[in-house]
Amino acid sequence: MKKRLIQSLIACVILTACSKSEEISPSNSTDVIKEVDPSLFIPAGLVGSITKVEKTLSNGTTTTCYKITTTKIPSDHAMGPWCPSNITDDASKGGVWFEKGNLYDVDGAFVKNLATFYNDAKWKLFNNDGTIRVTNTKEACQAAARPDVDPKYNNYCVECQPSYFSNIKMTYYIPVKPIKMNSTTAIGGMPGPGGPGGPGGGASVIGIAFNGVNFDPPAPTQAILGAYTLAPMDDAGGHVNGATGYHYHAATGKSKKVEQADGHSAMIGYAMDGFGMYELADKTGKEPSDLDACRGHYDITRGYHYHVAKAGSNSFIGCFHGAQGTVEVNIN
């Protein structure tokens, strides 16, 4: 078995922009700190049981972590579709794409209109008969998804099927009890080994959804769009690369959520520092107004926790408030 250890925002030479971005005050000793609840994870997405192990976090502290190995296959929603096949296809045949904070349906009309959308006549992902050029093999996916896109795949809709990388499993080590830091850690955002076709997938991981799928850093859209390619996400905000398989770049409400009795935003997973990740808006549609730079705040019920950004923002949280655990990517 081939195993690659990816340090999740621990070794700055491996990651990207790993730095102190905001000084914060030490936590009050009376603050509520909620431990990670392993029972919230969907068993169908796990490989074996969740266990406890001793691990060293990003701040050098050795502590008890949950070891969570996942299949990378969501059991609570379907994956895809991503690329429509013809410029006449409706939204049900394609996924979504983000631009300037908004999500757009990638239907046939959207693909046909890309030259106008981006004000660049070089865009044309379709043939004269209206068929859209889509990467339909593993080899084509890998050639189009790498940082230096193979020129023959310029003006392609990049689609990688989960079956191409079904041998990928991921193991997360998340502290059972989060440890607050006196400084924050920036999110790495450069493309990983999978390249821009699976944006940001290999360099770092932000967290894990309850179905076992990873929340990834911002997609390197400049690299993607610079080659006149499009790498749509499905309606759940996910797509596939060769580094970590299926992963999310947006929270669209399709994966498991844990509703809160007090009407607070629903919980959707955990960040790599063990703090909970919640939807942006509460049951009334109200968004929190007191978030810090990491998109976190405190309440007595949930302790410190994050609220993810809007789905079209190409981000989840702004930084880490706590000491992060690690991730292993296992390729069998």
C-alpha atoms as a PDB file:
ATOM      1  CA  MET A   1       0.000   0.000   0.000  1.00  0.00           C
ATOM      2  CA  LYS A   2       1.283   3.395  -0.988  1.00  0.00           C
ATOM      3  CA  LYS A   3       0.824   6.032   1.684  1.00  0.00           C
ATOM      4  CA  ARG A   4       1.382   9.764   1.501  1.00  0.00           C
ATOM      5  CA  LEU A   5       1.320  11.834   4.640  1.00  0.00           C
ATOM      6  CA  ILE A   6      -0.099  15.292   4.098  1.00  0.00           C
ATOM      7  CA  GLN A   7       0.412  17.630   7.021  1.00  0.00           C
ATOM      8  CA  SER A   8      -2.733  19.689   7.338  1.00  0.00           C
ATOM      9  CA  LEU A   9      -1.444  23.222   7.755  1.00  0.00           C
ATOM     10  CA  ILE A  10       1.456  22.096   9.927  1.00  0.00           C
ATOM     11  CA  ALA A  11       4.598  22.161   7.785  1.00  0.00           C
ATOM     12  CA  CYS A  12       4.601  25.500   6.018  1.00  0.00           C
ATOM     13  CA  VAL A  13       7.086  24.281   3.428  1.00  0.00           C
ATOM     14  CA  ILE A  14       4.570  21.669   2.307  1.00  0.00           C
ATOM     15  CA  LEU A  15       1.510  23.795   2.574  1.00  0.00           C
ATOM     16  CA  THR A  16       1.240  27.249   1.169  1.00  0.00           C
ATOM     17  CA  ALA A  17       0.476  30.479   2.959  1.00  0.00           C
ATOM     18  CA  CYS A  18       0.926  29.151   6.482  1.00  0.00           C
ATOM     19  CA  SER A  19       1.316  32.210   8.667  1.00  0.00           C
ATOM     20  CA  LYS A  20      -0.009  34.141  11.614  1.00  0.00           C
ATOM     21  CA  SER A  21      -2.712  36.356  10.231  1.00  0.00           C
ATOM     22  CA  GLU A  22      -4.456  37.720  13.299  1.00  0.00           C
ATOM     23  CA  GLU A  23      -3.528  37.985  16.947  1.00  0.00           C
ATOM     24  CA  ILE A  24      -6.321  37.018  19.309  1.00  0.00           C
ATOM     25  CA  SER A  25      -6.670  37.048  23.059  1.00  0.00           C
ATOM     26  CA  PRO A  26      -6.189  33.849  25.032  1.00  0.00           C
ATOM     27  CA  SER A  27      -9.431  32.019  25.754  1.00  0.00           C
ATOM     28  CA  ASN A  28     -11.199  32.638  29.027  1.00  0.00           C
ATOM     29  CA  SER A  29     -10.771  29.720  31.414  1.00  0.00           C
ATOM     30  CA  THR A  30     -14.536  29.629  31.859  1.00  0.00           C
ATOM     31  CA  ASP A  31     -15.268  29.268  28.139  1.00  0.00           C
ATOM     32  CA  VAL A  32     -17.232  26.227  27.064  1.00  0.00           C
ATOM     33  CA  ILE A  33     -15.140  23.962  24.820  1.00  0.00           C
ATOM     34  CA  LYS A  34     -17.162  21.318  23.033  1.00  0.00           C
ATOM     35  CA  GLU A  35     -15.444  18.015  22.324  1.00  0.00           C
ATOM     36  CA  VAL A  36     -15.758  16.325  18.943  1.00  0.00           C
ATOM     37  CA  ASP A  37     -18.743  13.947  18.845  1.00  0.00           C
ATOM     38  CA  PRO A  38     -17.812  10.848  16.781  1.00  0.00           C
ATOM     39  CA  SER A  39     -21.413   9.592  16.789  1.00  0.00           C
ATOM     40  CA  LEU A  40     -22.350  12.339  14.314  1.00  0.00           C
ATOM     41  CA  PHE A  41     -20.408  10.711  11.469  1.00  0.00           C
ATOM     42  CA  ILE A  42     -22.330   8.488   9.049  1.00  0.00           C
ATOM     43  CA  PRO A  43     -21.045   4.896   9.468  1.00  0.00           C
ATOM     44  CA  ALA A  44     -21.456   4.160   5.743  1.00  0.00           C
ATOM     45  CA  GLY A  45     -18.727   6.669   4.963  1.00  0.00           C
ATOM     46  CA  LEU A  46     -16.194   5.193   7.378  1.00  0.00           C
ATOM     47  CA  VAL A  47     -13.538   2.521   7.043  1.00  0.00           C
ATOM     48  CA  GLY A  48     -13.671   0.716  10.363  1.00  0.00           C
ATOM     49  CA  SER A  49     -14.443   2.331  13.691  1.00  0.00           C
ATOM     50  CA  ILE A  50     -13.391   5.757  14.919  1.00  0.00           C
ATOM     51  CA  THR A  51     -10.628   5.284  17.489  1.00  0.00           C
ATOM     52  CA  LYS A  52      -8.530   7.422  19.815  1.00  0.00           C
ATOM     53  CA  VAL A  53      -4.771   7.857  19.314  1.00  0.00           C
ATOM     54  CA  GLU A  54      -2.083  10.208  20.571  1.00  0.00           C
ATOM     55  CA  LYS A  55      -0.950  12.708  17.932  1.00  0.00           C
ATOM     56  CA  THR A  56       1.084  15.905  17.748  1.00  0.00           C
ATOM     57  CA  LEU A  57      -0.827  18.988  16.632  1.00  0.00           C
ATOM     58  CA  SER A  58       0.385  21.995  14.655  1.00  0.00           C
ATOM     59  CA  ASN A  59       1.475  23.831  17.818  1.00  0.00           C
ATOM     60  CA  GLY A  60       3.660  20.918  18.952  1.00  0.00           C
ATOM     61  CA  THR A  61       1.204  19.709  21.583  1.00  0.00           C
ATOM     62  CA  THR A  62       0.692  15.958  21.843  1.00  0.00           C
ATOM     63  CA  THR A  63      -2.892  15.156  22.663  1.00  0.00           C
ATOM     64  CA  THR A  64      -5.640  12.597  22.163  1.00  0.00           C
ATOM     65  CA  CYS A  65      -7.134  12.693  18.679  1.00  0.00           C
ATOM     66  CA  TYR A  66      -9.889  10.847  16.928  1.00  0.00           C
ATOM     67  CA  LYS A  67      -8.610   8.732  14.049  1.00  0.00           C
ATOM     68  CA  ILE A  68     -11.279   8.830  11.346  1.00  0.00           C
ATOM     69  CA  THR A  69     -10.720   6.918   8.099  1.00  0.00           C
ATOM     70  CA  THR A  70     -13.233   7.531   5.328  1.00  0.00           C
ATOM     71  CA  THR A  71     -14.147   6.049   1.966  1.00  0.00           C
ATOM     72  CA  LYS A  72     -14.508   9.490   0.281  1.00  0.00           C
ATOM     73  CA  ILE A  73     -17.883   8.342  -1.098  1.00  0.00           C
ATOM     74  CA  PRO A  74     -20.858  10.308   0.298  1.00  0.00           C
ATOM     75  CA  SER A  75     -23.789   8.113   1.280  1.00  0.00           C
ATOM     76  CA  ASP A  76     -26.211  11.006   1.812  1.00  0.00           C
ATOM     77  CA  HIS A  77     -26.300  12.413  -1.716  1.00  0.00           C
ATOM     78  CA  ALA A  78     -25.385  11.492  -5.281  1.00  0.00           C
ATOM     79  CA  MET A  79     -22.162  12.722  -6.899  1.00  0.00           C
ATOM     80  CA  GLY A  80     -22.366  14.632 -10.188  1.00  0.00           C
ATOM     81  CA  PRO A  81     -23.253  15.582 -12.803  1.00  0.00           C
ATOM     82  CA  TRP A  82     -20.522  18.090 -13.612  1.00  0.00           C
ATOM     83  CA  CYS A  83     -20.223  18.921 -17.316  1.00  0.00           C
ATOM     84  CA  PRO A  84     -23.196  19.069 -19.682  1.00  0.00           C
ATOM     85  CA  SER A  85     -22.662  17.311 -23.000  1.00  0.00           C
ATOM     86  CA  ASN A  86     -24.399  19.779 -25.332  1.00  0.00           C
ATOM     87  CA  ILE A  87     -25.135  23.494 -25.378  1.00  0.00           C
ATOM     88  CA  THR A  88     -28.849  22.606 -25.439  1.00  0.00           C
ATOM     89  CA  ASP A  89     -28.673  20.765 -22.080  1.00  0.00           C
ATOM     90  CA  ASP A  90     -30.600  22.164 -19.129  1.00  0.00           C
ATOM     91  CA  ALA A  91     -29.301  22.619 -15.580  1.00  0.00           C
ATOM     92  CA  SER A  92     -30.085  19.016 -14.624  1.00  0.00           C
ATOM     93  CA  LYS A  93     -27.253  17.840 -16.909  1.00  0.00           C
ATOM     94  CA  GLY A  94     -24.494  19.936 -15.321  1.00  0.00           C
ATOM     95  CA  GLY A  95     -23.114  21.220 -12.031  1.00  0.00           C
ATOM     96  CA  VAL A  96     -22.292  24.677 -10.718  1.00  0.00           C
ATOM     97  CA  TRP A  97     -19.478  27.198 -10.940  1.00  0.00           C
ATOM     98  CA  PHE A  98     -18.604  30.185  -8.770  1.00  0.00           C
ATOM     99  CA  GLU A  99     -17.648  33.658  -9.870  1.00  0.00           C
ATOM    100  CA  LYS A 100     -17.473  36.868  -7.800  1.00  0.00           C
ATOM    101  CA  GLY A 101     -19.310  35.381  -4.862  1.00  0.00           C
ATOM    102  CA  ASN A 102     -22.143  33.815  -6.824  1.00  0.00           C
ATOM    103  CA  LEU A 103     -22.984  30.260  -7.903  1.00  0.00           C
ATOM    104  CA  TYR A 104     -24.054  29.666 -11.492  1.00  0.00           C
ATOM    105  CA  ASP A 105     -25.689  26.618 -13.030  1.00  0.00           C
ATOM    106  CA  VAL A 106     -23.369  25.073 -15.601  1.00  0.00           C
ATOM    107  CA  ASP A 107     -25.998  24.262 -18.202  1.00  0.00           C
ATOM    108  CA  GLY A 108     -25.535  24.294 -21.963  1.00  0.00           C
ATOM    109  CA  ALA A 109     -26.421  27.962 -22.234  1.00  0.00           C
ATOM    110  CA  PHE A 110     -23.807  28.913 -19.616  1.00  0.00           C
ATOM    111  CA  VAL A 111     -21.084  27.046 -21.517  1.00  0.00           C
ATOM    112  CA  LYS A 112     -22.209  28.578 -24.809  1.00  0.00           C
ATOM    113  CA  ASN A 113     -22.077  32.060 -23.282  1.00  0.00           C
ATOM    114  CA  LEU A 114     -18.637  31.830 -21.612  1.00  0.00           C
ATOM    115  CA  ALA A 115     -16.996  34.208 -24.099  1.00  0.00           C
ATOM    116  CA  THR A 116     -19.483  36.884 -23.099  1.00  0.00           C
ATOM    117  CA  PHE A 117     -19.493  35.926 -19.426  1.00  0.00           C
ATOM    118  CA  TYR A 118     -15.708  36.389 -19.181  1.00  0.00           C
ATOM    119  CA  ASN A 119     -15.495  39.024 -21.924  1.00  0.00           C
ATOM    120  CA  ASP A 120     -12.909  36.989 -23.826  1.00  0.00           C
ATOM    121  CA  ALA A 121     -13.511  35.646 -27.334  1.00  0.00           C
ATOM    122  CA  LYS A 122     -11.029  32.798 -26.799  1.00  0.00           C
ATOM    123  CA  TRP A 123     -13.616  30.891 -24.784  1.00  0.00           C
ATOM    124  CA  LYS A 124     -15.306  28.119 -26.762  1.00  0.00           C
ATOM    125  CA  LEU A 125     -15.755  24.759 -25.041  1.00  0.00           C
ATOM    126  CA  PHE A 126     -18.079  23.366 -27.709  1.00  0.00           C
ATOM    127  CA  ASN A 127     -17.882  22.109 -31.280  1.00  0.00           C
ATOM    128  CA  ASN A 128     -19.803  23.488 -34.236  1.00  0.00           C
ATOM    129  CA  ASP A 129     -22.476  20.815 -33.775  1.00  0.00           C
ATOM    130  CA  GLY A 130     -23.090  21.994 -30.200  1.00  0.00           C
ATOM    131  CA  THR A 131     -21.362  19.128 -28.396  1.00  0.00           C
ATOM    132  CA  ILE A 132     -19.289  20.239 -25.434  1.00  0.00           C
ATOM    133  CA  ARG A 133     -15.699  19.026 -25.145  1.00  0.00           C
ATOM    134  CA  VAL A 134     -15.487  17.059 -21.893  1.00  0.00           C
ATOM    135  CA  THR A 135     -12.574  15.062 -20.450  1.00  0.00           C
ATOM    136  CA  ASN A 136     -14.090  11.588 -20.587  1.00  0.00           C
ATOM    137  CA  THR A 137     -11.145   9.386 -19.588  1.00  0.00           C
ATOM    138  CA  LYS A 138      -8.867   9.241 -16.557  1.00  0.00           C
ATOM    139  CA  GLU A 139      -5.884  10.201 -18.714  1.00  0.00           C
ATOM    140  CA  ALA A 140      -7.675  13.238 -20.144  1.00  0.00           C
ATOM    141  CA  CYS A 141      -8.825  14.275 -16.678  1.00  0.00           C
ATOM    142  CA  GLN A 142      -5.274  14.108 -15.319  1.00  0.00           C
ATOM    143  CA  ALA A 143      -3.817  16.001 -18.302  1.00  0.00           C
ATOM    144  CA  ALA A 144      -6.394  18.767 -18.012  1.00  0.00           C
ATOM    145  CA  ALA A 145      -6.338  18.908 -14.210  1.00  0.00           C
ATOM    146  CA  ARG A 146      -2.632  19.451 -13.700  1.00  0.00           C
ATOM    147  CA  PRO A 147      -1.284  22.975 -12.988  1.00  0.00           C
ATOM    148  CA  ASP A 148       0.343  23.175 -16.429  1.00  0.00           C
ATOM    149  CA  VAL A 149      -2.710  22.107 -18.399  1.00  0.00           C
ATOM    150  CA  ASP A 150      -1.886  20.084 -21.488  1.00  0.00           C
ATOM    151  CA  PRO A 151      -2.540  22.596 -24.317  1.00  0.00           C
ATOM    152  CA  LYS A 152      -4.654  20.096 -26.217  1.00  0.00           C
ATOM    153  CA  TYR A 153      -7.189  20.321 -23.391  1.00  0.00           C
ATOM    154  CA  ASN A 154      -7.571  24.089 -23.489  1.00  0.00           C
ATOM    155  CA  ASN A 155     -11.241  24.945 -23.906  1.00  0.00           C
ATOM    156  CA  TYR A 156     -12.461  21.765 -22.229  1.00  0.00           C
ATOM    157  CA  CYS A 157     -14.918  21.146 -19.462  1.00  0.00           C
ATOM    158  CA  VAL A 158     -12.846  19.177 -16.950  1.00  0.00           C
ATOM    159  CA  GLU A 159     -14.687  16.264 -15.389  1.00  0.00           C
ATOM    160  CA  CYS A 160     -13.053  13.540 -13.296  1.00  0.00           C
ATOM    161  CA  GLN A 161     -15.242  10.568 -12.408  1.00  0.00           C
ATOM    162  CA  PRO A 162     -15.081   9.130  -8.859  1.00  0.00           C
ATOM    163  CA  SER A 163     -14.365   5.697 -10.367  1.00  0.00           C
ATOM    164  CA  TYR A 164     -11.003   6.967 -11.655  1.00  0.00           C
ATOM    165  CA  PHE A 165      -9.714   7.348  -8.092  1.00  0.00           C
ATOM    166  CA  SER A 166     -11.815   4.882  -6.118  1.00  0.00           C
ATOM    167  CA  ASN A 167      -8.669   3.557  -4.399  1.00  0.00           C
ATOM    168  CA  ILE A 168      -8.223   6.741  -2.350  1.00  0.00           C
ATOM    169  CA  LYS A 169      -9.024   6.681   1.355  1.00  0.00           C
ATOM    170  CA  MET A 170      -8.350   9.463   3.860  1.00  0.00           C
ATOM    171  CA  THR A 171      -7.505   9.334   7.543  1.00  0.00           C
ATOM    172  CA  TYR A 172      -8.100  12.423   9.658  1.00  0.00           C
ATOM    173  CA  TYR A 173      -6.574  12.989  13.091  1.00  0.00           C
ATOM    174  CA  ILE A 174      -8.687  15.606  14.856  1.00  0.00           C
ATOM    175  CA  PRO A 175      -8.169  16.629  18.506  1.00  0.00           C
ATOM    176  CA  VAL A 176     -10.897  15.232  20.757  1.00  0.00           C
ATOM    177  CA  LYS A 177     -10.897  18.521  22.658  1.00  0.00           C
ATOM    178  CA  PRO A 178      -9.974  21.624  20.605  1.00  0.00           C
ATOM    179  CA  ILE A 179      -7.045  23.701  21.813  1.00  0.00           C
ATOM    180  CA  LYS A 180      -7.439  27.448  21.337  1.00  0.00           C
ATOM    181  CA  MET A 181      -4.406  29.332  20.063  1.00  0.00           C
ATOM    182  CA  ASN A 182      -3.166  32.830  20.850  1.00  0.00           C
ATOM    183  CA  SER A 183      -2.728  33.414  17.113  1.00  0.00           C
ATOM    184  CA  THR A 184      -4.518  32.226  14.011  1.00  0.00           C
ATOM    185  CA  THR A 185      -3.216  30.178  11.106  1.00  0.00           C
ATOM    186  CA  ALA A 186      -3.942  31.045   7.498  1.00  0.00           C
ATOM    187  CA  ILE A 187      -5.575  28.608   5.113  1.00  0.00           C
ATOM    188  CA  GLY A 188      -3.344  27.091   2.418  1.00  0.00           C
ATOM    189  CA  GLY A 189      -4.827  27.605  -1.024  1.00  0.00           C
ATOM    190  CA  MET A 190      -2.455  26.516  -3.765  1.00  0.00           C
ATOM    191  CA  PRO A 191      -3.270  23.465  -5.873  1.00  0.00           C
ATOM    192  CA  GLY A 192      -2.075  20.112  -4.622  1.00  0.00           C
ATOM    193  CA  PRO A 193      -0.766  17.150  -6.631  1.00  0.00           C
ATOM    194  CA  GLY A 194      -4.089  16.880  -8.424  1.00  0.00           C
ATOM    195  CA  GLY A 195      -3.686  20.318  -9.991  1.00  0.00           C
ATOM    196  CA  PRO A 196      -6.395  22.832 -10.701  1.00  0.00           C
ATOM    197  CA  GLY A 197      -8.849  20.253 -12.014  1.00  0.00           C
ATOM    198  CA  GLY A 198      -9.305  19.317  -8.369  1.00  0.00           C
ATOM    199  CA  PRO A 199      -8.685  22.763  -6.920  1.00  0.00           C
ATOM    200  CA  GLY A 200      -6.675  22.935  -3.764  1.00  0.00           C
ATOM    201  CA  GLY A 201      -7.139  19.249  -3.083  1.00  0.00           C
ATOM    202  CA  GLY A 202      -3.634  18.099  -2.196  1.00  0.00           C
ATOM    203  CA  ALA A 203      -2.017  20.903  -0.259  1.00  0.00           C
ATOM    204  CA  SER A 204      -4.242  21.124   2.792  1.00  0.00           C
ATOM    205  CA  VAL A 205      -7.631  20.221   4.218  1.00  0.00           C
ATOM    206  CA  ILE A 206      -9.962  22.529   6.111  1.00  0.00           C
ATOM    207  CA  GLY A 207     -12.169  19.911   7.694  1.00  0.00           C
ATOM    208  CA  ILE A 208     -14.462  16.938   7.291  1.00  0.00           C
ATOM    209  CA  ALA A 209     -18.194  16.626   6.646  1.00  0.00           C
ATOM    210  CA  PHE A 210     -20.248  14.077   8.554  1.00  0.00           C
ATOM    211  CA  ASN A 211     -20.325  11.862   5.449  1.00  0.00           C
ATOM    212  CA  GLY A 212     -16.501  11.631   5.412  1.00  0.00           C
ATOM    213  CA  VAL A 213     -15.842  14.038   2.527  1.00  0.00           C
ATOM    214  CA  ASN A 214     -13.202  16.723   3.042  1.00  0.00           C
ATOM    215  CA  PHE A 215     -13.791  20.474   2.950  1.00  0.00           C
ATOM    216  CA  ASP A 216     -11.012  21.925   0.794  1.00  0.00           C
ATOM    217  CA  PRO A 217      -9.299  25.334   0.581  1.00  0.00           C
ATOM    218  CA  PRO A 218     -10.227  27.829  -2.144  1.00  0.00           C
ATOM    219  CA  ALA A 219     -10.035  26.589  -5.716  1.00  0.00           C
ATOM    220  CA  PRO A 220      -7.187  28.150  -7.768  1.00  0.00           C
ATOM    221  CA  THR A 221      -9.621  29.596 -10.271  1.00  0.00           C
ATOM    222  CA  GLN A 222      -6.952  31.730 -11.917  1.00  0.00           C
ATOM    223  CA  ALA A 223      -5.080  28.600 -13.037  1.00  0.00           C
ATOM    224  CA  ILE A 224      -8.280  26.932 -14.187  1.00  0.00           C
ATOM    225  CA  LEU A 225      -9.641  29.876 -16.125  1.00  0.00           C
ATOM    226  CA  GLY A 226      -6.209  30.793 -17.491  1.00  0.00           C
ATOM    227  CA  ALA A 227      -6.248  27.614 -19.579  1.00  0.00           C
ATOM    228  CA  TYR A 228      -9.818  28.278 -20.744  1.00  0.00           C
ATOM    229  CA  THR A 229     -11.029  25.286 -18.813  1.00  0.00           C
ATOM    230  CA  LEU A 230     -13.945  24.932 -16.468  1.00  0.00           C
ATOM    231  CA  ALA A 231     -13.977  22.479 -13.542  1.00  0.00           C
ATOM    232  CA  PRO A 232     -17.589  22.502 -12.324  1.00  0.00           C
ATOM    233  CA  MET A 233     -18.723  21.236  -8.949  1.00  0.00           C
ATOM    234  CA  ASP A 234     -21.877  19.201  -8.596  1.00  0.00           C
ATOM    235  CA  ASP A 235     -24.935  20.559  -6.810  1.00  0.00           C
ATOM    236  CA  ALA A 236     -23.458  19.430  -3.482  1.00  0.00           C
ATOM    237  CA  GLY A 237     -20.407  21.639  -4.058  1.00  0.00           C
ATOM    238  CA  GLY A 238     -18.032  18.777  -4.799  1.00  0.00           C
ATOM    239  CA  HIS A 239     -15.869  17.397  -7.566  1.00  0.00           C
ATOM    240  CA  VAL A 240     -13.017  14.934  -7.999  1.00  0.00           C
ATOM    241  CA  ASN A 241      -9.238  15.068  -8.370  1.00  0.00           C
ATOM    242  CA  GLY A 242      -6.385  12.578  -8.281  1.00  0.00           C
ATOM    243  CA  ALA A 243      -4.993  13.843  -4.976  1.00  0.00           C
ATOM    244  CA  THR A 244      -7.893  13.321  -2.586  1.00  0.00           C
ATOM    245  CA  GLY A 245     -10.753  12.055  -4.755  1.00  0.00           C
ATOM    246  CA  TYR A 246     -14.178  13.606  -4.213  1.00  0.00           C
ATOM    247  CA  HIS A 247     -14.084  16.781  -2.079  1.00  0.00           C
ATOM    248  CA  TYR A 248     -16.081  19.949  -1.401  1.00  0.00           C
ATOM    249  CA  HIS A 249     -15.468  23.590  -2.312  1.00  0.00           C
ATOM    250  CA  ALA A 250     -18.881  24.857  -1.261  1.00  0.00           C
ATOM    251  CA  ALA A 251     -21.518  24.049   1.329  1.00  0.00           C
ATOM    252  CA  THR A 252     -24.844  23.885  -0.496  1.00  0.00           C
ATOM    253  CA  GLY A 253     -26.931  22.016   2.074  1.00  0.00           C
ATOM    254  CA  LYS A 254     -26.840  18.587   0.411  1.00  0.00           C
ATOM    255  CA  SER A 255     -24.668  16.749   2.952  1.00  0.00           C
ATOM    256  CA  LYS A 256     -25.767  15.680   6.437  1.00  0.00           C
ATOM    257  CA  LYS A 257     -26.552  18.493   8.816  1.00  0.00           C
ATOM    258  CA  VAL A 258     -27.326  18.457  12.525  1.00  0.00           C
ATOM    259  CA  GLU A 259     -30.157  20.828  13.336  1.00  0.00           C
ATOM    260  CA  GLN A 260     -29.868  22.888  16.522  1.00  0.00           C
ATOM    261  CA  ALA A 261     -32.718  22.956  19.046  1.00  0.00           C
ATOM    262  CA  ASP A 262     -32.415  26.711  19.551  1.00  0.00           C
ATOM    263  CA  GLY A 263     -32.743  27.569  15.841  1.00  0.00           C
ATOM    264  CA  HIS A 264     -29.025  28.238  15.417  1.00  0.00           C
ATOM    265  CA  SER A 265     -27.448  27.350  12.068  1.00  0.00           C
ATOM    266  CA  ALA A 266     -27.156  23.608  11.477  1.00  0.00           C
ATOM    267  CA  MET A 267     -23.831  21.854  12.028  1.00  0.00           C
ATOM    268  CA  ILE A 268     -22.222  20.275   8.947  1.00  0.00           C
ATOM    269  CA  GLY A 269     -18.875  18.916  10.183  1.00  0.00           C
ATOM    270  CA  TYR A 270     -15.635  19.640  11.984  1.00  0.00           C
ATOM    271  CA  ALA A 271     -12.587  21.726  11.113  1.00  0.00           C
ATOM    272  CA  MET A 272      -9.142  20.164  11.440  1.00  0.00           C
ATOM    273  CA  ASP A 273      -8.700  21.913  14.790  1.00  0.00           C
ATOM    274  CA  GLY A 274     -11.781  20.173  16.195  1.00  0.00           C
ATOM    275  CA  PHE A 275     -14.061  23.194  16.268  1.00  0.00           C
ATOM    276  CA  GLY A 276     -17.505  22.701  14.767  1.00  0.00           C
ATOM    277  CA  MET A 277     -18.432  23.978  11.312  1.00  0.00           C
ATOM    278  CA  TYR A 278     -21.952  25.337  10.871  1.00  0.00           C
ATOM    279  CA  GLU A 279     -24.030  26.645   8.003  1.00  0.00           C
ATOM    280  CA  LEU A 280     -24.016  30.370   7.378  1.00  0.00           C
ATOM    281  CA  ALA A 281     -27.628  31.245   8.221  1.00  0.00           C
ATOM    282  CA  ASP A 282     -29.923  30.162  11.038  1.00  0.00           C
ATOM    283  CA  LYS A 283     -33.465  28.809  10.627  1.00  0.00           C
ATOM    284  CA  THR A 284     -34.823  32.312  10.053  1.00  0.00           C
ATOM    285  CA  GLY A 285     -32.238  33.049   7.368  1.00  0.00           C
ATOM    286  CA  LYS A 286     -30.252  35.402   9.581  1.00  0.00           C
ATOM    287  CA  GLU A 287     -26.471  35.417   9.242  1.00  0.00           C
ATOM    288  CA  PRO A 288     -24.211  36.090  12.267  1.00  0.00           C
ATOM    289  CA  SER A 289     -22.838  39.623  12.437  1.00  0.00           C
ATOM    290  CA  ASP A 290     -20.047  39.109  14.984  1.00  0.00           C
ATOM    291  CA  LEU A 291     -17.736  36.658  13.209  1.00  0.00           C
ATOM    292  CA  ASP A 292     -13.989  37.086  13.586  1.00  0.00           C
ATOM    293  CA  ALA A 293     -11.477  36.858  10.728  1.00  0.00           C
ATOM    294  CA  CYS A 294     -11.645  33.053  10.869  1.00  0.00           C
ATOM    295  CA  ARG A 295     -15.448  33.216  10.488  1.00  0.00           C
ATOM    296  CA  GLY A 296     -15.867  32.029  14.078  1.00  0.00           C
ATOM    297  CA  HIS A 297     -17.585  33.215  17.234  1.00  0.00           C
ATOM    298  CA  TYR A 298     -18.579  31.921  20.660  1.00  0.00           C
ATOM    299  CA  ASP A 299     -21.789  30.978  22.370  1.00  0.00           C
ATOM    300  CA  ILE A 300     -22.374  29.084  25.591  1.00  0.00           C
ATOM    301  CA  THR A 301     -24.159  26.175  23.868  1.00  0.00           C
ATOM    302  CA  ARG A 302     -21.597  25.367  21.170  1.00  0.00           C
ATOM    303  CA  GLY A 303     -18.479  27.087  22.489  1.00  0.00           C
ATOM    304  CA  TYR A 304     -16.256  28.575  19.805  1.00  0.00           C
ATOM    305  CA  HIS A 305     -17.306  27.453  16.321  1.00  0.00           C
ATOM    306  CA  TYR A 306     -17.169  28.456  12.655  1.00  0.00           C
ATOM    307  CA  HIS A 307     -19.846  29.558  10.192  1.00  0.00           C
ATOM    308  CA  VAL A 308     -18.969  28.736   6.590  1.00  0.00           C
ATOM    309  CA  ALA A 309     -19.039  31.416   3.917  1.00  0.00           C
ATOM    310  CA  LYS A 310     -21.724  31.608   1.237  1.00  0.00           C
ATOM    311  CA  ALA A 311     -21.542  28.856  -1.347  1.00  0.00           C
ATOM    312  CA  GLY A 312     -20.322  31.106  -4.165  1.00  0.00           C
ATOM    313  CA  SER A 313     -17.419  32.582  -2.226  1.00  0.00           C
ATOM    314  CA  ASN A 314     -14.890  29.812  -3.012  1.00  0.00           C
ATOM    315  CA  SER A 315     -14.088  29.402   0.691  1.00  0.00           C
ATOM    316  CA  PHE A 316     -15.348  27.885   3.920  1.00  0.00           C
ATOM    317  CA  ILE A 317     -13.539  29.608   6.792  1.00  0.00           C
ATOM    318  CA  GLY A 318     -10.958  32.381   6.902  1.00  0.00           C
ATOM    319  CA  CYS A 319      -8.301  30.814   9.133  1.00  0.00           C
ATOM    320  CA  PHE A 320      -7.846  28.347  11.977  1.00  0.00           C
ATOM    321  CA  HIS A 321      -8.455  29.448  15.561  1.00  0.00           C
ATOM    322  CA  GLY A 322      -7.128  26.237  17.082  1.00  0.00           C
ATOM    323  CA  ALA A 323      -4.201  23.819  16.802  1.00  0.00           C
ATOM    324  CA  GLN A 324      -4.802  21.570  13.800  1.00  0.00           C
ATOM    325  CA  GLY A 325      -4.524  17.833  13.453  1.00  0.00           C
ATOM    326  CA  THR A 326      -3.226  16.010  10.403  1.00  0.00           C
ATOM    327  CA  VAL A 327      -4.489  14.098   7.389  1.00  0.00           C
ATOM    328  CA  GLU A 328      -3.171  10.984   5.662  1.00  0.00           C
ATOM    329  CA  VAL A 329      -4.095  10.184   2.080  1.00  0.00           C
ATOM    330  CA  ASN A 330      -3.939   6.448   1.473  1.00  0.00           C
ATOM    331  CA  ILE A 331      -3.791   5.119  -2.099  1.00  0.00           C
ATOM    332  CA  ASN A 332      -4.201   1.353  -2.291  1.00  0.00           C
END
